[in-house]
Amino acid sequence: MILLTGAAGALGKLVAQRLAVRDDVVLGTRTPRSAGERRVDFDDPASLDFTGVGTLLLISAGFGEDDVVVARHDAAITAAEKAGVRHVVYTSLSGDGDHLAYALPHRWTERRIRQSSLEWTILRNGLYAEFLAAIAAPGPDGAITAPLGSGRLAAVARADLAEVAARVVSAPEQHAGRTYELVGEEALGGSELAAAADGSYEPGSLARARETIAAAGEALPYQLPMLVGTYSAIAAGFLDGTGIELNALRGLLEREPRSALEAYAASVGAARSAA
């Protein structure tokens, strides 16, 4: 049996769609709504019953303070060990993301998995093109003011990462003990984003971005440095893909990756339509 955590999330839904043809997949979610779903709540260890699970796809438990995310992942891995799960596949963060504020829980989890009794595969995902559409969206006047400077991001279409995850959990023994870097092949800068969105690129400062995010009142306190730090890492050139020695995306997909720029434009277009 394959159990997928975070099945209600953006990545999890896409993975679930690709595994829908199988009859041995259980979807883990906080609020199950069908017979094919099981309650899996990282904040409630009693819900982490992985009995009968052969392969666990552990999708990162999302934003949170470092100690919260570490505790969630530790609880899941411990439960997997106790239940006799054979293989865990973990969706981590790309190797060039170590400058990001949210990298530490990912690296801790990788270490915890490697030291566990489980067979394992680690998928080091690059930042989503869809996430880029959220942090570098054009304003009402069409101007992108995100403080990306002259930096670029090797963004990835979320659908490609979902496809890779589905392929790996479907044949985990072929990927045991492997850590795969999965970043985009085309690094995107502000000018390309503006052209794709029929707008302009007028980068602001990190200070202005911090003020704007804080004023919106939508980010939790711990998320503010995460977002500003992401801008800073992109602007400084740490996320353009050049720091990755071997990008496994194309090989695992067995085809050319989707255009991250098109995924960005589609997300921007969807947001405009919904506004």
C-alpha atoms as a PDB file:
ATOM      1  CA  MET A   1       0.000   0.000   0.000  1.00  0.00           C
ATOM      2  CA  ILE A   2       1.083   3.565  -0.761  1.00  0.00           C
ATOM      3  CA  LEU A   3       0.037   6.287   1.665  1.00  0.00           C
ATOM      4  CA  LEU A   4       0.269   9.896   0.583  1.00  0.00           C
ATOM      5  CA  THR A   5       0.311  12.582   3.261  1.00  0.00           C
ATOM      6  CA  GLY A   6      -0.880  16.108   2.567  1.00  0.00           C
ATOM      7  CA  ALA A   7      -3.302  14.814  -0.054  1.00  0.00           C
ATOM      8  CA  ALA A   8      -5.481  17.912   0.232  1.00  0.00           C
ATOM      9  CA  GLY A   9      -2.596  20.274  -0.508  1.00  0.00           C
ATOM     10  CA  ALA A  10      -1.661  21.727  -3.887  1.00  0.00           C
ATOM     11  CA  LEU A  11       1.129  19.213  -4.545  1.00  0.00           C
ATOM     12  CA  GLY A  12      -0.673  16.328  -2.894  1.00  0.00           C
ATOM     13  CA  LYS A  13      -3.774  16.712  -5.049  1.00  0.00           C
ATOM     14  CA  LEU A  14      -1.685  16.513  -8.202  1.00  0.00           C
ATOM     15  CA  VAL A  15       0.157  13.419  -6.996  1.00  0.00           C
ATOM     16  CA  ALA A  16      -3.151  11.798  -6.059  1.00  0.00           C
ATOM     17  CA  GLN A  17      -4.503  12.422  -9.541  1.00  0.00           C
ATOM     18  CA  ARG A  18      -1.538  10.605 -11.056  1.00  0.00           C
ATOM     19  CA  LEU A  19      -1.936   7.663  -8.704  1.00  0.00           C
ATOM     20  CA  ALA A  20      -5.702   7.399  -9.158  1.00  0.00           C
ATOM     21  CA  VAL A  21      -5.324   4.479 -11.572  1.00  0.00           C
ATOM     22  CA  ARG A  22      -3.932   2.328  -8.746  1.00  0.00           C
ATOM     23  CA  ASP A  23      -6.108   0.545  -6.206  1.00  0.00           C
ATOM     24  CA  ASP A  24      -3.476   0.425  -3.459  1.00  0.00           C
ATOM     25  CA  VAL A  25      -3.245   4.148  -2.683  1.00  0.00           C
ATOM     26  CA  VAL A  26      -4.593   5.763   0.487  1.00  0.00           C
ATOM     27  CA  LEU A  27      -4.823   9.537   0.770  1.00  0.00           C
ATOM     28  CA  GLY A  28      -3.818  11.027   4.094  1.00  0.00           C
ATOM     29  CA  THR A  29      -5.540  14.256   5.099  1.00  0.00           C
ATOM     30  CA  ARG A  30      -6.642  16.074   8.241  1.00  0.00           C
ATOM     31  CA  THR A  31     -10.297  15.809   7.239  1.00  0.00           C
ATOM     32  CA  PRO A  32     -11.070  12.580   5.325  1.00  0.00           C
ATOM     33  CA  ARG A  33     -14.149  12.750   3.129  1.00  0.00           C
ATOM     34  CA  SER A  34     -14.211   9.379   1.379  1.00  0.00           C
ATOM     35  CA  ALA A  35     -13.406   5.725   1.863  1.00  0.00           C
ATOM     36  CA  GLY A  36     -10.083   6.156   0.087  1.00  0.00           C
ATOM     37  CA  GLU A  37      -8.879   8.696   2.627  1.00  0.00           C
ATOM     38  CA  ARG A  38      -7.369   8.261   6.068  1.00  0.00           C
ATOM     39  CA  ARG A  39      -6.993  10.863   8.793  1.00  0.00           C
ATOM     40  CA  VAL A  40      -3.356  11.921   9.041  1.00  0.00           C
ATOM     41  CA  ASP A  41      -2.709  14.944  11.250  1.00  0.00           C
ATOM     42  CA  PHE A  42       0.939  15.624  12.023  1.00  0.00           C
ATOM     43  CA  ASP A  43      -0.090  17.532  15.151  1.00  0.00           C
ATOM     44  CA  ASP A  44      -1.964  14.499  16.492  1.00  0.00           C
ATOM     45  CA  PRO A  45       0.433  11.530  16.782  1.00  0.00           C
ATOM     46  CA  ALA A  46      -2.515   9.237  17.524  1.00  0.00           C
ATOM     47  CA  SER A  47      -3.701   9.760  13.949  1.00  0.00           C
ATOM     48  CA  LEU A  48      -0.411   8.597  12.479  1.00  0.00           C
ATOM     49  CA  ASP A  49      -1.420   4.983  11.987  1.00  0.00           C
ATOM     50  CA  PHE A  50       0.595   3.620   9.071  1.00  0.00           C
ATOM     51  CA  THR A  51      -0.356  -0.010   9.586  1.00  0.00           C
ATOM     52  CA  GLY A  52      -0.182  -1.909   6.315  1.00  0.00           C
ATOM     53  CA  VAL A  53       1.676   0.869   4.506  1.00  0.00           C
ATOM     54  CA  GLY A  54       4.582  -0.267   2.353  1.00  0.00           C
ATOM     55  CA  THR A  55       5.582   3.099   0.904  1.00  0.00           C
ATOM     56  CA  LEU A  56       4.960   6.451   2.578  1.00  0.00           C
ATOM     57  CA  LEU A  57       5.078   9.639   0.526  1.00  0.00           C
ATOM     58  CA  LEU A  58       5.869  12.226   3.172  1.00  0.00           C
ATOM     59  CA  ILE A  59       5.011  15.609   1.743  1.00  0.00           C
ATOM     60  CA  SER A  60       6.589  18.314   3.854  1.00  0.00           C
ATOM     61  CA  ALA A  61       4.228  19.517   6.560  1.00  0.00           C
ATOM     62  CA  GLY A  62       4.186  23.080   5.304  1.00  0.00           C
ATOM     63  CA  PHE A  63       5.130  26.409   6.772  1.00  0.00           C
ATOM     64  CA  GLY A  64       5.644  26.616  10.515  1.00  0.00           C
ATOM     65  CA  GLU A  65       8.243  27.554  13.060  1.00  0.00           C
ATOM     66  CA  ASP A  66      11.257  25.268  12.783  1.00  0.00           C
ATOM     67  CA  ASP A  67      10.487  23.364  15.977  1.00  0.00           C
ATOM     68  CA  VAL A  68       6.899  22.752  14.873  1.00  0.00           C
ATOM     69  CA  VAL A  69       7.868  21.369  11.460  1.00  0.00           C
ATOM     70  CA  VAL A  70      10.645  19.241  12.963  1.00  0.00           C
ATOM     71  CA  ALA A  71       8.243  17.780  15.523  1.00  0.00           C
ATOM     72  CA  ARG A  72       5.676  16.977  12.830  1.00  0.00           C
ATOM     73  CA  HIS A  73       8.166  15.210  10.614  1.00  0.00           C
ATOM     74  CA  ASP A  74       9.749  13.361  13.517  1.00  0.00           C
ATOM     75  CA  ALA A  75       6.342  12.088  14.604  1.00  0.00           C
ATOM     76  CA  ALA A  76       5.589  10.831  11.089  1.00  0.00           C
ATOM     77  CA  ILE A  77       8.944   9.083  10.667  1.00  0.00           C
ATOM     78  CA  THR A  78       8.733   7.508  14.117  1.00  0.00           C
ATOM     79  CA  ALA A  79       5.228   6.231  13.346  1.00  0.00           C
ATOM     80  CA  ALA A  80       6.461   4.803  10.050  1.00  0.00           C
ATOM     81  CA  GLU A  81       9.263   2.944  11.818  1.00  0.00           C
ATOM     82  CA  LYS A  82       6.893   1.518  14.410  1.00  0.00           C
ATOM     83  CA  ALA A  83       4.405   0.393  11.765  1.00  0.00           C
ATOM     84  CA  GLY A  84       7.044  -1.401   9.708  1.00  0.00           C
ATOM     85  CA  VAL A  85       6.808   0.865   6.659  1.00  0.00           C
ATOM     86  CA  ARG A  86       9.462  -0.254   4.174  1.00  0.00           C
ATOM     87  CA  HIS A  87      10.167   2.940   2.244  1.00  0.00           C
ATOM     88  CA  VAL A  88       9.650   6.659   2.796  1.00  0.00           C
ATOM     89  CA  VAL A  89       9.810   9.210  -0.009  1.00  0.00           C
ATOM     90  CA  TYR A  90      10.214  12.764   1.280  1.00  0.00           C
ATOM     91  CA  THR A  91       9.610  16.013  -0.618  1.00  0.00           C
ATOM     92  CA  SER A  92      12.435  18.258   0.515  1.00  0.00           C
ATOM     93  CA  LEU A  93      13.974  21.541  -0.668  1.00  0.00           C
ATOM     94  CA  SER A  94      16.544  21.896  -3.434  1.00  0.00           C
ATOM     95  CA  GLY A  95      20.175  21.921  -2.424  1.00  0.00           C
ATOM     96  CA  ASP A  96      20.677  25.535  -3.482  1.00  0.00           C
ATOM     97  CA  GLY A  97      17.982  26.576  -0.998  1.00  0.00           C
ATOM     98  CA  ASP A  98      20.171  26.411   2.093  1.00  0.00           C
ATOM     99  CA  HIS A  99      20.156  30.218   2.294  1.00  0.00           C
ATOM    100  CA  LEU A 100      16.391  30.180   2.792  1.00  0.00           C
ATOM    101  CA  ALA A 101      14.895  30.607   6.246  1.00  0.00           C
ATOM    102  CA  TYR A 102      12.823  27.448   5.883  1.00  0.00           C
ATOM    103  CA  ALA A 103      15.688  25.163   4.832  1.00  0.00           C
ATOM    104  CA  LEU A 104      16.684  23.904   8.275  1.00  0.00           C
ATOM    105  CA  PRO A 105      13.619  21.675   8.939  1.00  0.00           C
ATOM    106  CA  HIS A 106      14.128  20.067   5.530  1.00  0.00           C
ATOM    107  CA  ARG A 107      17.768  19.267   6.201  1.00  0.00           C
ATOM    108  CA  TRP A 108      16.933  18.011   9.688  1.00  0.00           C
ATOM    109  CA  THR A 109      14.276  15.727   8.231  1.00  0.00           C
ATOM    110  CA  GLU A 110      16.655  14.394   5.595  1.00  0.00           C
ATOM    111  CA  ARG A 111      19.147  13.506   8.327  1.00  0.00           C
ATOM    112  CA  ARG A 112      16.443  11.912  10.468  1.00  0.00           C
ATOM    113  CA  ILE A 113      15.307   9.786   7.537  1.00  0.00           C
ATOM    114  CA  ARG A 114      18.825   8.670   6.654  1.00  0.00           C
ATOM    115  CA  GLN A 115      19.387   7.606  10.259  1.00  0.00           C
ATOM    116  CA  SER A 116      16.069   5.742  10.434  1.00  0.00           C
ATOM    117  CA  SER A 117      15.383   2.049   9.873  1.00  0.00           C
ATOM    118  CA  LEU A 118      13.523   2.853   6.637  1.00  0.00           C
ATOM    119  CA  GLU A 119      14.519   2.620   3.022  1.00  0.00           C
ATOM    120  CA  TRP A 120      14.334   6.133   1.655  1.00  0.00           C
ATOM    121  CA  THR A 121      14.339   8.480  -1.311  1.00  0.00           C
ATOM    122  CA  ILE A 122      14.608  12.255  -1.030  1.00  0.00           C
ATOM    123  CA  LEU A 123      13.119  14.564  -3.648  1.00  0.00           C
ATOM    124  CA  ARG A 124      14.764  17.967  -3.347  1.00  0.00           C
ATOM    125  CA  ASN A 125      12.156  20.134  -5.024  1.00  0.00           C
ATOM    126  CA  GLY A 126      12.917  23.557  -6.432  1.00  0.00           C
ATOM    127  CA  LEU A 127      10.545  26.428  -5.756  1.00  0.00           C
ATOM    128  CA  TYR A 128       7.298  26.234  -7.693  1.00  0.00           C
ATOM    129  CA  ALA A 129       6.568  28.476 -10.657  1.00  0.00           C
ATOM    130  CA  GLU A 130       3.132  28.895  -9.081  1.00  0.00           C
ATOM    131  CA  PHE A 131       4.771  30.217  -5.894  1.00  0.00           C
ATOM    132  CA  LEU A 132       6.709  32.673  -8.000  1.00  0.00           C
ATOM    133  CA  ALA A 133       3.377  33.862  -9.411  1.00  0.00           C
ATOM    134  CA  ALA A 134       2.294  34.649  -5.865  1.00  0.00           C
ATOM    135  CA  ILE A 135       5.420  36.517  -4.718  1.00  0.00           C
ATOM    136  CA  ALA A 136       6.110  38.261  -8.038  1.00  0.00           C
ATOM    137  CA  ALA A 137       2.629  38.945  -9.333  1.00  0.00           C
ATOM    138  CA  PRO A 138       1.923  42.072 -11.392  1.00  0.00           C
ATOM    139  CA  GLY A 139       0.077  44.839  -9.593  1.00  0.00           C
ATOM    140  CA  PRO A 140      -3.119  46.482 -10.882  1.00  0.00           C
ATOM    141  CA  ASP A 141      -1.006  48.630 -13.204  1.00  0.00           C
ATOM    142  CA  GLY A 142       0.775  45.571 -14.612  1.00  0.00           C
ATOM    143  CA  ALA A 143       4.074  46.355 -12.883  1.00  0.00           C
ATOM    144  CA  ILE A 144       6.026  43.643 -11.079  1.00  0.00           C
ATOM    145  CA  THR A 145       7.727  45.336  -8.151  1.00  0.00           C
ATOM    146  CA  ALA A 146       9.064  42.248  -6.389  1.00  0.00           C
ATOM    147  CA  PRO A 147      12.669  42.867  -5.225  1.00  0.00           C
ATOM    148  CA  LEU A 148      14.284  40.251  -7.429  1.00  0.00           C
ATOM    149  CA  GLY A 149      16.992  42.590  -8.659  1.00  0.00           C
ATOM    150  CA  SER A 150      18.832  40.982 -11.555  1.00  0.00           C
ATOM    151  CA  GLY A 151      18.506  37.558  -9.966  1.00  0.00           C
ATOM    152  CA  ARG A 152      16.782  34.566 -11.486  1.00  0.00           C
ATOM    153  CA  LEU A 153      14.919  31.551 -10.155  1.00  0.00           C
ATOM    154  CA  ALA A 154      15.103  28.028 -11.565  1.00  0.00           C
ATOM    155  CA  ALA A 155      11.396  27.555 -10.875  1.00  0.00           C
ATOM    156  CA  VAL A 156       9.577  24.291 -11.552  1.00  0.00           C
ATOM    157  CA  ALA A 157       6.009  23.618 -12.640  1.00  0.00           C
ATOM    158  CA  ARG A 158       4.310  21.972  -9.665  1.00  0.00           C
ATOM    159  CA  ALA A 159       2.767  19.376 -11.974  1.00  0.00           C
ATOM    160  CA  ASP A 160       6.220  18.095 -12.941  1.00  0.00           C
ATOM    161  CA  LEU A 161       7.209  17.585  -9.319  1.00  0.00           C
ATOM    162  CA  ALA A 162       3.947  15.749  -8.716  1.00  0.00           C
ATOM    163  CA  GLU A 163       4.645  13.475 -11.666  1.00  0.00           C
ATOM    164  CA  VAL A 164       8.132  12.693 -10.391  1.00  0.00           C
ATOM    165  CA  ALA A 165       6.782  11.873  -6.935  1.00  0.00           C
ATOM    166  CA  ALA A 166       4.130   9.572  -8.408  1.00  0.00           C
ATOM    167  CA  ARG A 167       6.735   7.775 -10.520  1.00  0.00           C
ATOM    168  CA  VAL A 168       9.077   7.267  -7.579  1.00  0.00           C
ATOM    169  CA  VAL A 169       6.489   5.940  -5.124  1.00  0.00           C
ATOM    170  CA  SER A 170       5.205   3.575  -7.815  1.00  0.00           C
ATOM    171  CA  ALA A 171       8.623   1.874  -8.019  1.00  0.00           C
ATOM    172  CA  PRO A 172      10.463   2.877  -4.828  1.00  0.00           C
ATOM    173  CA  GLU A 173      12.968   0.031  -4.937  1.00  0.00           C
ATOM    174  CA  GLN A 174      14.484   1.584  -8.065  1.00  0.00           C
ATOM    175  CA  HIS A 175      15.214   4.789  -6.183  1.00  0.00           C
ATOM    176  CA  ALA A 176      16.332   3.543  -2.768  1.00  0.00           C
ATOM    177  CA  GLY A 177      19.072   5.598  -1.153  1.00  0.00           C
ATOM    178  CA  ARG A 178      18.883   8.324  -3.783  1.00  0.00           C
ATOM    179  CA  THR A 179      18.640  12.085  -3.298  1.00  0.00           C
ATOM    180  CA  TYR A 180      17.333  13.804  -6.412  1.00  0.00           C
ATOM    181  CA  GLU A 181      17.747  17.498  -7.174  1.00  0.00           C
ATOM    182  CA  LEU A 182      14.689  18.746  -9.080  1.00  0.00           C
ATOM    183  CA  VAL A 183      14.967  22.328 -10.293  1.00  0.00           C
ATOM    184  CA  GLY A 184      13.855  24.116 -13.426  1.00  0.00           C
ATOM    185  CA  GLU A 185      16.023  24.106 -16.522  1.00  0.00           C
ATOM    186  CA  GLU A 186      15.137  27.708 -17.361  1.00  0.00           C
ATOM    187  CA  ALA A 187      15.985  30.376 -14.773  1.00  0.00           C
ATOM    188  CA  LEU A 188      13.419  33.171 -14.760  1.00  0.00           C
ATOM    189  CA  GLY A 189      14.117  36.819 -14.016  1.00  0.00           C
ATOM    190  CA  GLY A 190      11.857  39.805 -13.573  1.00  0.00           C
ATOM    191  CA  SER A 191      11.990  40.828 -17.213  1.00  0.00           C
ATOM    192  CA  GLU A 192      10.839  37.413 -18.441  1.00  0.00           C
ATOM    193  CA  LEU A 193       8.040  37.368 -15.882  1.00  0.00           C
ATOM    194  CA  ALA A 194       6.884  40.817 -16.925  1.00  0.00           C
ATOM    195  CA  ALA A 195       6.851  39.855 -20.599  1.00  0.00           C
ATOM    196  CA  ALA A 196       4.847  36.717 -19.859  1.00  0.00           C
ATOM    197  CA  ALA A 197       2.315  38.746 -17.877  1.00  0.00           C
ATOM    198  CA  ASP A 198       2.149  41.610 -20.390  1.00  0.00           C
ATOM    199  CA  GLY A 199       3.478  44.015 -17.797  1.00  0.00           C
ATOM    200  CA  SER A 200       6.659  45.754 -16.720  1.00  0.00           C
ATOM    201  CA  TYR A 201       9.404  45.019 -14.243  1.00  0.00           C
ATOM    202  CA  GLU A 202      10.134  47.761 -11.737  1.00  0.00           C
ATOM    203  CA  PRO A 203      11.920  46.047  -8.855  1.00  0.00           C
ATOM    204  CA  GLY A 204      11.559  47.576  -5.424  1.00  0.00           C
ATOM    205  CA  SER A 205      13.668  47.159  -2.308  1.00  0.00           C
ATOM    206  CA  LEU A 206      13.608  44.440   0.319  1.00  0.00           C
ATOM    207  CA  ALA A 207      12.582  47.017   2.894  1.00  0.00           C
ATOM    208  CA  ARG A 208       9.602  48.070   0.809  1.00  0.00           C
ATOM    209  CA  ALA A 209       8.593  44.442   0.303  1.00  0.00           C
ATOM    210  CA  ARG A 210       8.795  43.833   4.041  1.00  0.00           C
ATOM    211  CA  GLU A 211       6.597  46.860   4.704  1.00  0.00           C
ATOM    212  CA  THR A 212       4.057  45.821   2.078  1.00  0.00           C
ATOM    213  CA  ILE A 213       3.794  42.256   3.370  1.00  0.00           C
ATOM    214  CA  ALA A 214       3.440  43.435   6.964  1.00  0.00           C
ATOM    215  CA  ALA A 215       0.826  46.036   6.046  1.00  0.00           C
ATOM    216  CA  ALA A 216      -1.287  43.435   4.240  1.00  0.00           C
ATOM    217  CA  GLY A 217      -1.673  41.608   7.541  1.00  0.00           C
ATOM    218  CA  GLU A 218      -1.941  38.192   5.896  1.00  0.00           C
ATOM    219  CA  ALA A 219       1.481  36.774   6.783  1.00  0.00           C
ATOM    220  CA  LEU A 220       2.071  35.220  10.183  1.00  0.00           C
ATOM    221  CA  PRO A 221       5.067  36.609  12.111  1.00  0.00           C
ATOM    222  CA  TYR A 222       7.382  33.746  11.161  1.00  0.00           C
ATOM    223  CA  GLN A 223       6.404  33.965   7.486  1.00  0.00           C
ATOM    224  CA  LEU A 224       7.611  37.536   7.018  1.00  0.00           C
ATOM    225  CA  PRO A 225      11.352  36.709   7.204  1.00  0.00           C
ATOM    226  CA  MET A 226      10.725  33.626   5.073  1.00  0.00           C
ATOM    227  CA  LEU A 227       9.238  35.664   2.244  1.00  0.00           C
ATOM    228  CA  VAL A 228      11.762  38.492   2.425  1.00  0.00           C
ATOM    229  CA  GLY A 229      14.598  35.969   2.645  1.00  0.00           C
ATOM    230  CA  THR A 230      13.315  34.245  -0.483  1.00  0.00           C
ATOM    231  CA  TYR A 231      13.435  37.517  -2.404  1.00  0.00           C
ATOM    232  CA  SER A 232      16.947  38.127  -1.109  1.00  0.00           C
ATOM    233  CA  ALA A 233      18.194  34.669  -2.116  1.00  0.00           C
ATOM    234  CA  ILE A 234      16.772  35.045  -5.624  1.00  0.00           C
ATOM    235  CA  ALA A 235      18.210  38.540  -6.052  1.00  0.00           C
ATOM    236  CA  ALA A 236      21.620  37.361  -4.852  1.00  0.00           C
ATOM    237  CA  GLY A 237      21.694  34.615  -7.479  1.00  0.00           C
ATOM    238  CA  PHE A 238      21.591  31.611  -5.177  1.00  0.00           C
ATOM    239  CA  LEU A 239      18.484  30.014  -6.705  1.00  0.00           C
ATOM    240  CA  ASP A 240      19.221  30.205 -10.414  1.00  0.00           C
ATOM    241  CA  GLY A 241      20.077  26.515 -10.686  1.00  0.00           C
ATOM    242  CA  THR A 242      23.791  26.956 -11.327  1.00  0.00           C
ATOM    243  CA  GLY A 243      24.614  25.591  -7.882  1.00  0.00           C
ATOM    244  CA  ILE A 244      23.028  22.233  -8.676  1.00  0.00           C
ATOM    245  CA  GLU A 245      25.524  19.717 -10.015  1.00  0.00           C
ATOM    246  CA  LEU A 246      23.016  17.214 -11.379  1.00  0.00           C
ATOM    247  CA  ASN A 247      19.418  18.162 -12.069  1.00  0.00           C
ATOM    248  CA  ALA A 248      17.415  14.919 -12.196  1.00  0.00           C
ATOM    249  CA  LEU A 249      14.122  16.458 -13.328  1.00  0.00           C
ATOM    250  CA  ARG A 250      14.260  15.625 -17.049  1.00  0.00           C
ATOM    251  CA  GLY A 251      15.612  12.127 -16.460  1.00  0.00           C
ATOM    252  CA  LEU A 252      12.901  11.174 -13.983  1.00  0.00           C
ATOM    253  CA  LEU A 253      10.165  12.667 -16.146  1.00  0.00           C
ATOM    254  CA  GLU A 254      11.604  10.930 -19.218  1.00  0.00           C
ATOM    255  CA  ARG A 255      10.587  13.968 -21.249  1.00  0.00           C
ATOM    256  CA  GLU A 256      11.178  17.699 -21.506  1.00  0.00           C
ATOM    257  CA  PRO A 257       9.949  19.524 -18.393  1.00  0.00           C
ATOM    258  CA  ARG A 258       6.930  21.775 -18.635  1.00  0.00           C
ATOM    259  CA  SER A 259       7.639  25.451 -19.188  1.00  0.00           C
ATOM    260  CA  ALA A 260       7.891  27.148 -15.819  1.00  0.00           C
ATOM    261  CA  LEU A 261       7.242  30.474 -17.525  1.00  0.00           C
ATOM    262  CA  GLU A 262       3.974  29.165 -18.932  1.00  0.00           C
ATOM    263  CA  ALA A 263       3.008  27.823 -15.505  1.00  0.00           C
ATOM    264  CA  TYR A 264       3.764  31.246 -14.029  1.00  0.00           C
ATOM    265  CA  ALA A 265       1.679  33.015 -16.675  1.00  0.00           C
ATOM    266  CA  ALA A 266      -1.218  30.587 -16.195  1.00  0.00           C
ATOM    267  CA  SER A 267      -1.233  31.179 -12.442  1.00  0.00           C
ATOM    268  CA  VAL A 268      -1.135  34.942 -12.908  1.00  0.00           C
ATOM    269  CA  GLY A 269      -3.993  34.696 -15.412  1.00  0.00           C
ATOM    270  CA  ALA A 270      -6.067  32.559 -13.031  1.00  0.00           C
ATOM    271  CA  ALA A 271      -5.533  35.050 -10.211  1.00  0.00           C
ATOM    272  CA  ARG A 272      -6.616  37.929 -12.461  1.00  0.00           C
ATOM    273  CA  SER A 273      -9.761  36.065 -13.483  1.00  0.00           C
ATOM    274  CA  ALA A 274     -10.639  35.343  -9.883  1.00  0.00           C
ATOM    275  CA  ALA A 275     -10.133  38.943  -8.788  1.00  0.00           C
END
